[in-house]
Protein backbone atom coordinates (compact mmCIF):
# COMPACT_ATOMS: atom_id res chain seq x y z
CA UNK A 1 -10.87 16.33 -37.85
CA UNK A 2 -14.30 14.91 -37.07
CA UNK A 3 -16.77 12.27 -38.17
CA UNK A 4 -14.29 9.57 -39.17
CA UNK A 5 -16.40 6.64 -40.37
CA UNK A 6 -14.84 3.36 -39.29
CA UNK A 7 -15.40 -0.25 -40.30
CA UNK A 8 -14.06 -3.23 -38.35
CA UNK A 9 -13.10 -6.44 -40.16
CA UNK A 10 -13.19 -9.42 -37.81
CA UNK A 11 -14.95 -9.57 -34.46
CA UNK A 12 -12.74 -11.64 -32.18
CA UNK A 13 -10.92 -10.24 -29.16
CA UNK A 14 -9.16 -7.55 -31.20
CA UNK A 15 -12.32 -6.57 -33.06
CA UNK A 16 -14.26 -6.17 -29.83
CA UNK A 17 -11.39 -4.11 -28.45
CA UNK A 18 -11.54 -1.91 -31.54
CA UNK A 19 -15.24 -1.31 -30.98
CA UNK A 20 -14.49 -0.12 -27.44
CA UNK A 21 -11.65 2.12 -28.61
CA UNK A 22 -13.62 3.74 -31.43
CA UNK A 23 -16.39 4.56 -28.94
CA UNK A 24 -13.83 6.30 -26.71
CA UNK A 25 -12.78 8.69 -29.51
CA UNK A 26 -15.29 11.50 -30.11
CA UNK A 27 -14.00 12.17 -33.63
CA UNK A 28 -14.86 8.62 -34.77
CA UNK A 29 -18.02 6.67 -35.45
CA UNK A 30 -18.31 2.92 -36.00
CA UNK A 31 -20.47 2.19 -39.04
CA UNK A 32 -20.07 -1.53 -39.74
CA UNK A 33 -18.54 -4.76 -38.41
CA UNK A 34 -17.64 -7.22 -41.16
CA UNK A 35 -17.40 -10.89 -40.31
CA UNK A 36 -17.61 -14.24 -42.06
CA UNK A 37 -19.68 -15.41 -39.09
CA UNK A 38 -23.25 -14.47 -38.36
CA UNK A 39 -23.19 -11.90 -35.55
CA UNK A 40 -25.96 -10.78 -33.24
CA UNK A 41 -24.88 -7.15 -33.55
CA UNK A 42 -26.79 -4.20 -35.00
CA UNK A 43 -23.77 -3.14 -37.08
CA UNK A 44 -23.03 -6.57 -38.52
CA UNK A 45 -22.40 -6.55 -42.27
CA UNK A 46 -21.58 -9.38 -44.62
CA UNK A 47 -17.91 -9.81 -45.48
CA UNK A 48 -19.00 -10.82 -48.97
CA UNK A 49 -20.49 -7.36 -49.55
CA UNK A 50 -17.70 -5.27 -48.06
CA UNK A 51 -16.87 -3.57 -51.39
CA UNK A 52 -20.38 -2.08 -51.37
CA UNK A 53 -19.17 0.09 -48.48
CA UNK A 54 -16.31 1.78 -50.35
CA UNK A 55 -18.02 5.18 -50.36
CA UNK A 56 -19.41 4.84 -46.83
CA UNK A 57 -16.23 4.32 -44.79
CA UNK A 58 -13.17 6.48 -44.24
CA UNK A 59 -10.97 3.70 -42.86
CA UNK A 60 -11.02 -0.03 -42.08
CA UNK A 61 -9.49 -1.66 -39.00
CA UNK A 62 -8.40 -5.18 -39.93
CA UNK A 63 -8.68 -7.28 -36.78
CA UNK A 64 -8.02 -10.80 -38.08
CA UNK A 65 -5.07 -13.03 -37.33
CA UNK A 66 -1.61 -12.71 -38.83
CA UNK A 67 -1.27 -16.41 -39.64
CA UNK A 68 -3.82 -16.53 -42.47
CA UNK A 69 -6.30 -13.61 -42.35
CA UNK A 70 -4.20 -10.49 -42.77
CA UNK A 71 -1.86 -11.76 -45.53
CA UNK A 72 -4.96 -12.24 -47.70
CA UNK A 73 -7.27 -9.48 -46.48
CA UNK A 74 -4.87 -6.53 -46.36
CA UNK A 75 -3.69 -6.72 -50.01
CA UNK A 76 -7.23 -7.50 -51.19
CA UNK A 77 -8.79 -4.53 -49.38
CA UNK A 78 -5.98 -1.93 -49.61
CA UNK A 79 -6.90 -1.15 -53.20
CA UNK A 80 -10.39 -0.10 -52.11
CA UNK A 81 -10.10 1.32 -48.56
CA UNK A 82 -7.73 3.24 -46.33
CA UNK A 83 -6.88 0.68 -43.67
CA UNK A 84 -4.84 -0.30 -40.63
CA UNK A 85 -3.71 -3.80 -39.65
CA UNK A 86 -1.77 -5.46 -36.84
CA UNK A 87 0.23 -8.00 -38.86
CA UNK A 88 2.79 -9.22 -36.32
CA UNK A 89 4.84 -11.99 -37.94
CA UNK A 90 8.07 -9.98 -37.73
CA UNK A 91 10.05 -12.05 -40.23
CA UNK A 92 7.37 -11.62 -42.91
CA UNK A 93 6.70 -7.90 -42.53
CA UNK A 94 8.81 -6.89 -45.56
CA UNK A 95 6.84 -9.15 -47.94
CA UNK A 96 3.56 -8.11 -46.33
CA UNK A 97 4.49 -4.45 -46.78
CA UNK A 98 5.35 -5.04 -50.45
CA UNK A 99 2.04 -6.76 -51.19
CA UNK A 100 -0.06 -4.15 -49.39
CA UNK A 101 1.93 -1.24 -50.83
CA UNK A 102 1.33 -2.41 -54.41
CA UNK A 103 -2.42 -2.71 -53.81
CA UNK A 104 -2.71 0.63 -51.97
CA UNK A 105 -0.80 2.47 -54.71
CA UNK A 106 -3.11 0.99 -57.37
CA UNK A 107 -6.12 2.31 -55.53
CA UNK A 108 -4.65 5.58 -54.28
CA UNK A 109 -5.17 4.50 -50.66
CA UNK A 110 -3.14 4.63 -47.43
CA UNK A 111 -2.56 1.38 -45.52
CA UNK A 112 -0.80 1.37 -42.16
CA UNK A 113 0.50 -2.14 -41.49
CA UNK A 114 2.00 -3.99 -38.54
CA UNK A 115 0.95 -1.62 -35.82
CA UNK A 116 -0.08 -2.17 -32.22
CA UNK A 117 2.41 -2.31 -29.37
CA UNK A 118 4.87 -4.81 -30.87
CA UNK A 119 5.25 -4.36 -33.75
CA UNK A 120 4.22 -0.76 -33.23
CA UNK A 121 5.09 1.27 -30.15
CA UNK A 122 7.98 -1.01 -29.20
CA UNK A 123 9.33 -0.74 -32.75
CA UNK A 124 9.28 3.03 -32.46
CA UNK A 125 11.17 2.91 -29.14
CA UNK A 126 13.83 0.60 -30.59
CA UNK A 127 14.53 3.07 -33.39
CA UNK A 128 14.43 6.10 -31.10
CA UNK A 129 16.72 4.63 -28.45
CA UNK A 130 19.29 3.46 -31.02
CA UNK A 131 19.29 6.88 -32.66
CA UNK A 132 20.00 8.53 -29.31
CA UNK A 133 22.50 5.93 -28.08
CA UNK A 134 24.28 4.59 -31.18
CA UNK A 135 27.04 3.00 -29.07
CA UNK A 136 25.14 0.35 -27.15
CA UNK A 137 22.87 -2.68 -27.28
CA UNK A 138 19.10 -2.89 -27.39
CA UNK A 139 16.88 -5.60 -25.94
CA UNK A 140 13.15 -6.30 -26.01
CA UNK A 141 11.39 -8.47 -23.44
CA UNK A 142 7.76 -9.52 -23.75
CA UNK A 143 5.46 -10.79 -21.04
CA UNK A 144 4.53 -12.43 -18.92
CA UNK A 145 1.36 -12.37 -20.95
CA UNK A 146 -0.96 -13.87 -23.54
CA UNK A 147 0.11 -13.37 -27.14
CA UNK A 148 -2.92 -13.00 -29.40
CA UNK A 149 -1.00 -13.81 -32.58
CA UNK A 150 0.72 -16.86 -31.15
CA UNK A 151 -2.49 -18.13 -29.56
CA UNK A 152 -4.23 -17.74 -32.92
CA UNK A 153 -1.41 -19.63 -34.65
CA UNK A 154 -1.82 -22.54 -32.21
CA UNK A 155 -5.60 -22.60 -32.68
CA UNK A 156 -5.11 -23.02 -36.42
CA UNK A 157 -3.09 -26.21 -36.01
CA UNK A 158 -5.17 -29.28 -36.97
CA UNK A 159 -6.49 -31.01 -33.87
CA UNK A 160 -6.59 -27.87 -31.69
CA UNK A 161 -9.98 -26.73 -30.43
CA UNK A 162 -8.76 -23.75 -28.37
CA UNK A 163 -5.51 -22.45 -26.91
CA UNK A 164 -3.72 -19.73 -24.97
CA UNK A 165 -0.03 -19.01 -25.38
CA UNK A 166 2.00 -17.20 -22.71
CA UNK A 167 5.29 -15.47 -23.46
CA UNK A 168 7.54 -15.55 -20.39
CA UNK A 169 10.64 -13.33 -20.11
CA UNK A 170 13.80 -14.56 -18.43
CA UNK A 171 14.16 -12.62 -15.18
CA UNK A 172 17.88 -13.43 -15.18
CA UNK A 173 18.39 -12.00 -18.67
CA UNK A 174 16.34 -8.90 -17.85
CA UNK A 175 18.35 -8.29 -14.69
CA UNK A 176 21.61 -8.57 -16.64
CA UNK A 177 20.47 -5.86 -19.05
CA UNK A 178 19.24 -3.55 -16.29
CA UNK A 179 22.51 -3.94 -14.40
CA UNK A 180 24.39 -2.34 -17.28
CA UNK A 181 26.21 -5.55 -18.20
CA UNK A 182 25.23 -5.00 -21.84
CA UNK A 183 25.05 -8.73 -22.65
CA UNK A 184 24.66 -10.46 -26.00
CA UNK A 185 21.57 -12.65 -25.64
CA UNK A 186 20.07 -15.22 -27.98
CA UNK A 187 16.35 -15.48 -28.62
CA UNK A 188 16.17 -18.64 -26.52
CA UNK A 189 18.00 -17.00 -23.60
CA UNK A 190 15.52 -14.13 -23.37
CA UNK A 191 12.13 -15.89 -23.43
CA UNK A 192 10.29 -19.16 -23.12
CA UNK A 193 6.79 -19.97 -24.35
CA UNK A 194 4.00 -21.81 -22.55
CA UNK A 195 0.93 -23.18 -24.34
CA UNK A 196 -2.32 -24.40 -22.83
CA UNK A 197 -4.20 -26.40 -25.45
CA UNK A 198 -7.67 -27.94 -25.69
CA UNK A 199 -7.67 -30.78 -28.19
CA UNK A 200 -10.38 -31.71 -30.63
CA UNK A 201 -11.96 -35.06 -29.86
CA UNK A 202 -9.74 -37.85 -31.19
CA UNK A 203 -6.76 -35.57 -31.92
CA UNK A 204 -3.24 -36.97 -31.59
CA UNK A 205 -1.67 -35.05 -28.70
CA UNK A 206 1.90 -35.94 -29.67
CA UNK A 207 1.40 -34.76 -33.24
CA UNK A 208 -0.18 -31.50 -32.07
CA UNK A 209 2.66 -30.85 -29.63
CA UNK A 210 5.26 -31.48 -32.32
CA UNK A 211 3.45 -29.13 -34.74
CA UNK A 212 3.47 -26.39 -32.10
CA UNK A 213 7.07 -26.58 -30.92
CA UNK A 214 8.44 -26.74 -34.48
CA UNK A 215 6.25 -23.95 -35.94
CA UNK A 216 8.55 -21.47 -37.76
CA UNK A 217 8.44 -17.78 -36.74
CA UNK A 218 6.39 -18.65 -33.63
CA UNK A 219 7.93 -21.41 -31.49
CA UNK A 220 10.86 -23.10 -33.23
CA UNK A 221 13.44 -20.69 -31.76
CA UNK A 222 12.17 -20.90 -28.17
CA UNK A 223 11.96 -23.41 -25.34
CA UNK A 224 8.25 -24.20 -25.59
CA UNK A 225 6.15 -26.20 -23.14
CA UNK A 226 2.72 -27.53 -24.10
CA UNK A 227 0.08 -28.45 -21.51
CA UNK A 228 -3.15 -30.11 -22.60
CA UNK A 229 -6.19 -29.00 -20.58
CA UNK A 230 -9.96 -29.26 -20.73
CA UNK A 231 -12.14 -26.50 -22.13
CA UNK A 232 -13.42 -25.82 -18.62
CA UNK A 233 -9.86 -25.46 -17.29
CA UNK A 234 -8.93 -23.07 -20.08
CA UNK A 235 -11.98 -20.92 -19.40
CA UNK A 236 -11.47 -20.98 -15.63
CA UNK A 237 -7.73 -20.37 -15.48
CA UNK A 238 -6.83 -18.61 -18.72
CA UNK A 239 -9.73 -16.38 -19.78
CA UNK A 240 -7.84 -13.13 -19.17
CA UNK A 241 -5.65 -11.49 -21.80
CA UNK A 242 -2.89 -9.61 -19.95
CA UNK A 243 0.45 -8.76 -21.51
CA UNK A 244 3.27 -6.25 -21.44
CA UNK A 245 7.01 -5.98 -21.69
CA UNK A 246 10.02 -3.72 -21.93
CA UNK A 247 12.26 -2.13 -24.53
CA UNK A 248 15.71 -1.28 -23.14
CA UNK A 249 18.94 0.10 -24.50
CA UNK A 250 22.18 0.48 -22.60
CA UNK A 251 25.11 2.36 -24.00
CA UNK A 252 27.62 5.12 -23.52
CA UNK A 253 28.27 8.63 -24.73
CA UNK A 254 31.67 9.87 -23.48
CA UNK A 255 34.22 7.67 -21.67
CA UNK A 256 32.75 6.39 -18.40
CA UNK A 257 29.33 7.91 -19.04
CA UNK A 258 26.91 5.00 -19.28
CA UNK A 259 23.16 5.26 -19.77
CA UNK A 260 20.11 3.00 -19.64
CA UNK A 261 16.80 3.93 -21.26
CA UNK A 262 13.67 1.86 -20.79
CA UNK A 263 10.06 1.86 -22.02
CA UNK A 264 7.56 -0.52 -20.45
CA UNK A 265 3.94 -1.59 -20.66
CA UNK A 266 1.75 -3.53 -18.21
CA UNK A 267 -1.55 -4.34 -19.88
CA UNK A 268 -4.66 -5.86 -18.34
CA UNK A 269 -6.17 -6.34 -21.80
CA UNK A 270 -3.79 -6.97 -24.66
CA UNK A 271 -6.49 -6.76 -27.38
CA UNK A 272 -8.06 -3.55 -26.06
CA UNK A 273 -4.70 -1.78 -25.87
CA UNK A 274 -3.58 -3.09 -29.27
CA UNK A 275 -6.87 -1.92 -30.76
CA UNK A 276 -6.35 1.51 -29.24
CA UNK A 277 -3.06 1.84 -31.13
CA UNK A 278 -4.81 0.78 -34.36
CA UNK A 279 -7.45 3.45 -33.85
CA UNK A 280 -4.86 6.20 -33.31
CA UNK A 281 -3.05 5.05 -36.46
CA UNK A 282 -6.33 5.11 -38.37
CA UNK A 283 -6.59 8.82 -37.62
CA UNK A 284 -3.05 9.35 -38.90
CA UNK A 285 -3.75 7.27 -42.01
CA UNK A 286 -6.73 9.38 -42.94
CA UNK A 287 -4.77 12.60 -42.42
CA UNK A 288 -2.03 11.32 -44.75
CA UNK A 289 -4.65 10.35 -47.31
CA UNK A 290 -6.19 13.81 -47.18
CA UNK A 291 -2.74 15.19 -47.97
CA UNK A 292 -2.85 13.17 -51.17
CA UNK A 293 -0.48 10.38 -50.10
CA UNK A 294 -0.94 6.71 -50.93
CA UNK A 295 0.78 3.37 -50.37
CA UNK A 296 1.70 1.27 -47.35
CA UNK A 297 3.12 2.83 -44.21
CA UNK A 298 4.46 1.61 -40.87
CA UNK A 299 4.60 3.44 -37.58
CA UNK A 300 8.04 4.74 -38.59
CA UNK A 301 6.36 6.77 -41.34
CA UNK A 302 3.71 8.44 -39.15
CA UNK A 303 4.52 11.84 -37.62
CA UNK A 304 3.45 11.37 -34.02
CA UNK A 305 1.28 14.48 -34.01
CA UNK A 306 -0.98 12.90 -36.65
CA UNK A 307 -2.00 10.19 -34.18
CA UNK A 308 -3.42 12.72 -31.75
CA UNK A 309 -6.96 14.11 -31.98
CA UNK A 310 -5.57 17.50 -30.97
CA UNK A 311 -4.51 20.18 -33.43
CA UNK A 312 -0.81 20.94 -33.87
CA UNK A 313 -1.08 24.37 -32.26
CA UNK A 314 -2.74 22.78 -29.20
CA UNK A 315 0.01 20.18 -28.90
CA UNK A 316 2.69 22.87 -29.07
CA UNK A 317 0.95 24.92 -26.39
CA UNK A 318 -0.12 22.20 -23.99
CA UNK A 319 2.23 19.24 -24.39
CA UNK A 320 5.54 20.25 -25.97
């Protein structure tokens, strides 16, 4: 496969990461970056005229936020383009899938939703490990790192000018899992969340803090600490975007035969790595489309060989 024409929707951290990733793949070419903002970029195109590009692009990478952008953009665009998104509000993935699936089927398009590293690669590991070790318990730990989706959710709270949100795993809980104890752990026992927030002038700090710590799907189930800082402090101390985490499963096969499997990531740039997963899934989406398939897909529905730029016979010879 060659000459995959790509469009990027949204040019924040994830969108810029997608631009870097597309450039690293010789079988892809970036044709347009769609944004509601005015961009000083040679490939900038108006979001209002995106449907004019239906015959020019093979696939869209949707790089907006999960709080408000993707629930609107993905169903609206899936009828007209093959696309990939990183919708990461886990509790709402089923309804997001249903909305995007209906639109993609109407238009005969493929839409890969909720991909990246979690949901995405970590999701795949959870399914794989459970299939191999059905008698056991699985655990996922995130961080320490900056969550793009959670940071975006904080920034959209009235009174917030800018924010970074760190997910912090419990070292005690992680050690219990790795020891083979096979514990039952609540959401609150496994992680805490730490927010650094720059307020808009005149904003009520107490009201902003309450809105953050009670936000459903993001912070309500965690011990969350909010620190208010200046814009200079945020830029100086929190400009990086590292992240990572672990998927583990401990279990047994025969009597006395215990096993622990683990998959981990340590990322210096969360958005660049997430974007790299989106780009690989875009290749798979286009291959499915060229087989005549349509509708919404998740990473569970993508044969892993379709993500690779290499031909099947090369994978069998060189990798298998």
